[in-house]
C-alpha atoms as a PDB file:
ATOM      1  CA  MET A   1      -2.937   0.349 -44.991  1.00  0.00           C
ATOM      2  CA  GLU A   2      -0.913  -3.112 -44.650  1.00  0.00           C
ATOM      3  CA  TYR A   3      -0.003  -4.676 -41.638  1.00  0.00           C
ATOM      4  CA  GLU A   4       2.685  -6.610 -41.460  1.00  0.00           C
ATOM      5  CA  TYR A   5       5.127  -8.966 -38.731  1.00  0.00           C
ATOM      6  CA  PHE A   6       8.143 -10.890 -38.684  1.00  0.00           C
ATOM      7  CA  GLN A   7       9.780 -13.255 -36.199  1.00  0.00           C
ATOM      8  CA  GLU A   8      13.456 -12.678 -37.385  1.00  0.00           C
ATOM      9  CA  ILE A   9      14.605 -10.192 -39.088  1.00  0.00           C
ATOM     10  CA  PRO A  10      12.346  -8.495 -42.247  1.00  0.00           C
ATOM     11  CA  ASN A  11      14.135  -9.229 -46.068  1.00  0.00           C
ATOM     12  CA  PRO A  12      15.955  -6.533 -46.142  1.00  0.00           C
ATOM     13  CA  VAL A  13      14.222  -4.045 -48.543  1.00  0.00           C
ATOM     14  CA  VAL A  14      11.604  -3.514 -45.745  1.00  0.00           C
ATOM     15  CA  MET A  15      14.549  -3.550 -43.313  1.00  0.00           C
ATOM     16  CA  ALA A  16      16.082  -1.171 -44.372  1.00  0.00           C
ATOM     17  CA  SER A  17      12.784   0.575 -44.624  1.00  0.00           C
ATOM     18  CA  VAL A  18      12.427   0.572 -40.988  1.00  0.00           C
ATOM     19  CA  LEU A  19      16.238   1.927 -40.138  1.00  0.00           C
ATOM     20  CA  LYS A  20      15.336   4.993 -43.138  1.00  0.00           C
ATOM     21  CA  LEU A  21      11.588   4.816 -40.851  1.00  0.00           C
ATOM     22  CA  HIS A  22      14.019   5.060 -37.585  1.00  0.00           C
ATOM     23  CA  LYS A  23      16.269   7.597 -38.205  1.00  0.00           C
ATOM     24  CA  HIS A  24      13.351   9.901 -38.866  1.00  0.00           C
ATOM     25  CA  VAL A  25      11.144   9.209 -35.884  1.00  0.00           C
ATOM     26  CA  PHE A  26      14.639   9.026 -33.890  1.00  0.00           C
ATOM     27  CA  ASP A  27      16.271  12.703 -34.539  1.00  0.00           C
ATOM     28  CA  GLY A  28      19.097  11.275 -37.461  1.00  0.00           C
ATOM     29  CA  ALA A  29      19.818   8.277 -35.020  1.00  0.00           C
ATOM     30  CA  GLU A  30      20.907   5.591 -36.406  1.00  0.00           C
ATOM     31  CA  LEU A  31      19.586   2.119 -35.283  1.00  0.00           C
ATOM     32  CA  GLU A  32      22.668  -0.407 -36.199  1.00  0.00           C
ATOM     33  CA  LEU A  33      21.309  -4.126 -37.447  1.00  0.00           C
ATOM     34  CA  LYS A  34      23.861  -5.695 -35.355  1.00  0.00           C
ATOM     35  CA  LYS A  35      21.753  -5.073 -32.576  1.00  0.00           C
ATOM     36  CA  LEU A  36      18.811  -6.730 -33.419  1.00  0.00           C
ATOM     37  CA  GLU A  37      20.332  -8.916 -34.633  1.00  0.00           C
ATOM     38  CA  GLU A  38      21.892  -9.597 -31.348  1.00  0.00           C
ATOM     39  CA  LYS A  39      18.031  -9.378 -29.609  1.00  0.00           C
ATOM     40  CA  LYS A  40      16.756 -12.479 -28.444  1.00  0.00           C
ATOM     41  CA  ASN A  41      12.959 -14.193 -30.051  1.00  0.00           C
ATOM     42  CA  ILE A  42      12.770 -10.135 -31.650  1.00  0.00           C
ATOM     43  CA  LEU A  43       9.798  -9.286 -33.507  1.00  0.00           C
ATOM     44  CA  ILE A  44       9.366  -6.585 -36.141  1.00  0.00           C
ATOM     45  CA  LEU A  45       5.923  -5.619 -37.550  1.00  0.00           C
ATOM     46  CA  VAL A  46       5.329  -2.650 -39.386  1.00  0.00           C
ATOM     47  CA  ALA A  47       2.919  -0.635 -41.418  1.00  0.00           C
ATOM     48  CA  LYS A  48       2.588  -0.297 -44.830  1.00  0.00           C
ATOM     49  CA  ASP A  49       1.604   2.733 -47.237  1.00  0.00           C
ATOM     50  CA  ALA A  50       2.111   0.981 -50.441  1.00  0.00           C
ATOM     51  CA  ASP A  51       5.673  -0.189 -50.084  1.00  0.00           C
ATOM     52  CA  GLN A  52       6.694   2.559 -47.904  1.00  0.00           C
ATOM     53  CA  VAL A  53       6.912   1.382 -44.475  1.00  0.00           C
ATOM     54  CA  VAL A  54       5.310   4.343 -41.988  1.00  0.00           C
ATOM     55  CA  GLY A  55       5.326   2.677 -39.195  1.00  0.00           C
ATOM     56  CA  PHE A  56       7.736   0.493 -37.102  1.00  0.00           C
ATOM     57  CA  LYS A  57       7.557  -1.492 -33.431  1.00  0.00           C
ATOM     58  CA  ILE A  58      10.337  -3.403 -32.316  1.00  0.00           C
ATOM     59  CA  GLY A  59      10.560  -5.958 -29.439  1.00  0.00           C
ATOM     60  CA  CYS A  60      12.553  -8.593 -27.958  1.00  0.00           C
ATOM     61  CA  GLU A  61      12.177 -10.933 -25.039  1.00  0.00           C
ATOM     62  CA  ILE A  62      13.863 -10.278 -21.581  1.00  0.00           C
ATOM     63  CA  ASP A  63      12.611 -13.148 -20.225  1.00  0.00           C
ATOM     64  CA  ASN A  64       9.724 -16.433 -20.809  1.00  0.00           C
ATOM     65  CA  GLN A  65       7.681 -14.275 -19.225  1.00  0.00           C
ATOM     66  CA  LYS A  66       8.588 -10.758 -19.653  1.00  0.00           C
ATOM     67  CA  PHE A  67       8.816  -9.081 -23.888  1.00  0.00           C
ATOM     68  CA  TYR A  68      10.036  -5.613 -23.614  1.00  0.00           C
ATOM     69  CA  SER A  69       8.831  -3.600 -26.238  1.00  0.00           C
ATOM     70  CA  TRP A  70      12.180  -1.498 -27.373  1.00  0.00           C
ATOM     71  CA  LEU A  71      11.981   1.052 -30.508  1.00  0.00           C
ATOM     72  CA  GLY A  72       8.407   2.370 -32.559  1.00  0.00           C
ATOM     73  CA  GLY A  73       7.798   4.930 -34.490  1.00  0.00           C
ATOM     74  CA  VAL A  74       5.302   6.561 -36.960  1.00  0.00           C
ATOM     75  CA  HIS A  75       6.177   8.704 -39.333  1.00  0.00           C
ATOM     76  CA  SER A  76       5.573  12.529 -39.684  1.00  0.00           C
ATOM     77  CA  ASP A  77       3.419  12.844 -42.108  1.00  0.00           C
ATOM     78  CA  TYR A  78       1.883   9.856 -41.255  1.00  0.00           C
ATOM     79  CA  ARG A  79       0.912  10.902 -37.498  1.00  0.00           C
ATOM     80  CA  GLY A  80      -2.420  11.283 -35.486  1.00  0.00           C
ATOM     81  CA  LYS A  81      -4.190   8.349 -38.011  1.00  0.00           C
ATOM     82  CA  GLY A  82      -4.378   5.133 -35.404  1.00  0.00           C
ATOM     83  CA  ILE A  83      -0.967   3.607 -36.860  1.00  0.00           C
ATOM     84  CA  ALA A  84       0.303   3.614 -33.539  1.00  0.00           C
ATOM     85  CA  SER A  85      -2.330   2.427 -31.631  1.00  0.00           C
ATOM     86  CA  HIS A  86      -2.766  -0.109 -34.618  1.00  0.00           C
ATOM     87  CA  LEU A  87       0.595  -1.203 -33.578  1.00  0.00           C
ATOM     88  CA  MET A  88       0.399  -1.751 -30.154  1.00  0.00           C
ATOM     89  CA  ARG A  89      -2.851  -3.548 -30.453  1.00  0.00           C
ATOM     90  CA  GLN A  90      -1.482  -5.711 -33.084  1.00  0.00           C
ATOM     91  CA  GLN A  91       2.108  -6.353 -30.637  1.00  0.00           C
ATOM     92  CA  HIS A  92       0.534  -7.286 -27.410  1.00  0.00           C
ATOM     93  CA  ASP A  93      -2.363  -9.444 -29.406  1.00  0.00           C
ATOM     94  CA  LEU A  94       1.159 -11.459 -30.624  1.00  0.00           C
ATOM     95  CA  VAL A  95       3.403 -11.216 -27.148  1.00  0.00           C
ATOM     96  CA  LYS A  96       0.467 -12.645 -26.160  1.00  0.00           C
ATOM     97  CA  SER A  97      -0.547 -15.425 -28.066  1.00  0.00           C
ATOM     98  CA  LEU A  98       3.568 -16.319 -27.997  1.00  0.00           C
ATOM     99  CA  GLY A  99       2.600 -17.443 -24.234  1.00  0.00           C
ATOM    100  CA  TYR A 100       4.682 -13.953 -22.415  1.00  0.00           C
ATOM    101  CA  THR A 101       2.417 -12.806 -19.513  1.00  0.00           C
ATOM    102  CA  LYS A 102       4.021  -9.440 -19.045  1.00  0.00           C
ATOM    103  CA  ILE A 103       5.377  -6.875 -21.010  1.00  0.00           C
ATOM    104  CA  ARG A 104       7.684  -3.666 -20.522  1.00  0.00           C
ATOM    105  CA  THR A 105       8.728  -0.410 -22.622  1.00  0.00           C
ATOM    106  CA  ILE A 106      11.067   1.804 -21.010  1.00  0.00           C
ATOM    107  CA  SER A 107       9.587   5.858 -22.604  1.00  0.00           C
ATOM    108  CA  ARG A 108      10.818   9.870 -21.807  1.00  0.00           C
ATOM    109  CA  ASN A 109       8.671  12.225 -20.795  1.00  0.00           C
ATOM    110  CA  LYS A 110       9.850  13.889 -24.476  1.00  0.00           C
ATOM    111  CA  ARG A 111       8.144  12.080 -26.216  1.00  0.00           C
ATOM    112  CA  ARG A 112       5.007  12.448 -24.703  1.00  0.00           C
ATOM    113  CA  GLU A 113       2.783  11.005 -27.621  1.00  0.00           C
ATOM    114  CA  MET A 114       4.014   7.653 -27.057  1.00  0.00           C
ATOM    115  CA  LEU A 115       3.810   7.712 -23.006  1.00  0.00           C
ATOM    116  CA  LEU A 116       0.472   8.911 -23.408  1.00  0.00           C
ATOM    117  CA  LEU A 117       0.112   5.749 -25.709  1.00  0.00           C
ATOM    118  CA  ASN A 118       1.395   3.577 -23.334  1.00  0.00           C
ATOM    119  CA  ILE A 119      -0.704   4.842 -20.498  1.00  0.00           C
ATOM    120  CA  LYS A 120      -3.814   4.189 -22.118  1.00  0.00           C
ATOM    121  CA  PHE A 121      -3.081   0.883 -23.230  1.00  0.00           C
ATOM    122  CA  GLY A 122      -3.157   0.003 -19.341  1.00  0.00           C
ATOM    123  CA  PHE A 123       0.992  -0.151 -18.432  1.00  0.00           C
ATOM    124  CA  ASN A 124       2.034   1.924 -15.509  1.00  0.00           C
ATOM    125  CA  VAL A 125       5.036   3.300 -14.431  1.00  0.00           C
ATOM    126  CA  ILE A 126       6.966   0.713 -12.260  1.00  0.00           C
ATOM    127  CA  GLU A 127       9.931   3.021 -11.886  1.00  0.00           C
ATOM    128  CA  THR A 128      12.585   5.756 -13.182  1.00  0.00           C
ATOM    129  CA  PHE A 129      16.149   6.077 -13.315  1.00  0.00           C
ATOM    130  CA  THR A 130      18.523   7.866 -15.241  1.00  0.00           C
ATOM    131  CA  SER A 131      20.935   7.074 -17.806  1.00  0.00           C
ATOM    132  CA  GLU A 132      24.856   6.986 -18.765  1.00  0.00           C
ATOM    133  CA  LYS A 133      23.918   9.392 -20.648  1.00  0.00           C
ATOM    134  CA  GLY A 134      21.902  11.205 -18.477  1.00  0.00           C
ATOM    135  CA  THR A 135      18.187  10.925 -19.295  1.00  0.00           C
ATOM    136  CA  HIS A 136      15.462  11.083 -17.492  1.00  0.00           C
ATOM    137  CA  LYS A 137      13.215   7.133 -18.392  1.00  0.00           C
ATOM    138  CA  ILE A 138      10.027   6.175 -16.598  1.00  0.00           C
ATOM    139  CA  VAL A 139       9.863   1.732 -17.117  1.00  0.00           C
ATOM    140  CA  LEU A 140       6.484   1.434 -17.678  1.00  0.00           C
ATOM    141  CA  GLU A 141       4.416  -2.991 -17.350  1.00  0.00           C
ATOM    142  CA  LYS A 142       1.163  -3.892 -18.009  1.00  0.00           C
ATOM    143  CA  GLU A 143      -0.248  -7.933 -17.618  1.00  0.00           C
ATOM    144  CA  LEU A 144      -1.056  -9.129 -20.856  1.00  0.00           C
END
């Protein structure tokens, strides 16, 4: 497994693979490249098996002290191999080295594997809310 990170939108080949994997992980949901381009100080991490992106983690700056771990996932054929844990550790190390002191994420009870991974990595639930679409969301945060 090879891991890479980008502090900008990656080249079109890698980005196309990330968008395709996002669609697989999030039940057909499309991620628009424009949304990524609007993010401040974006950080994109990928796990690759040969040339295939099999895992990703995307985040961006909330403010100069706080980073938002926004999206991530691993292809269903590659789950249970520690890829998500490796990407999370790498993201936290990079974010800390960039001077952020806190990292925040938002999860859903429906995505239990990710929720449990966040708790395992030291995140604490700080609030919950219901989105405009009526989805219950869980906000987690961690000191780096």
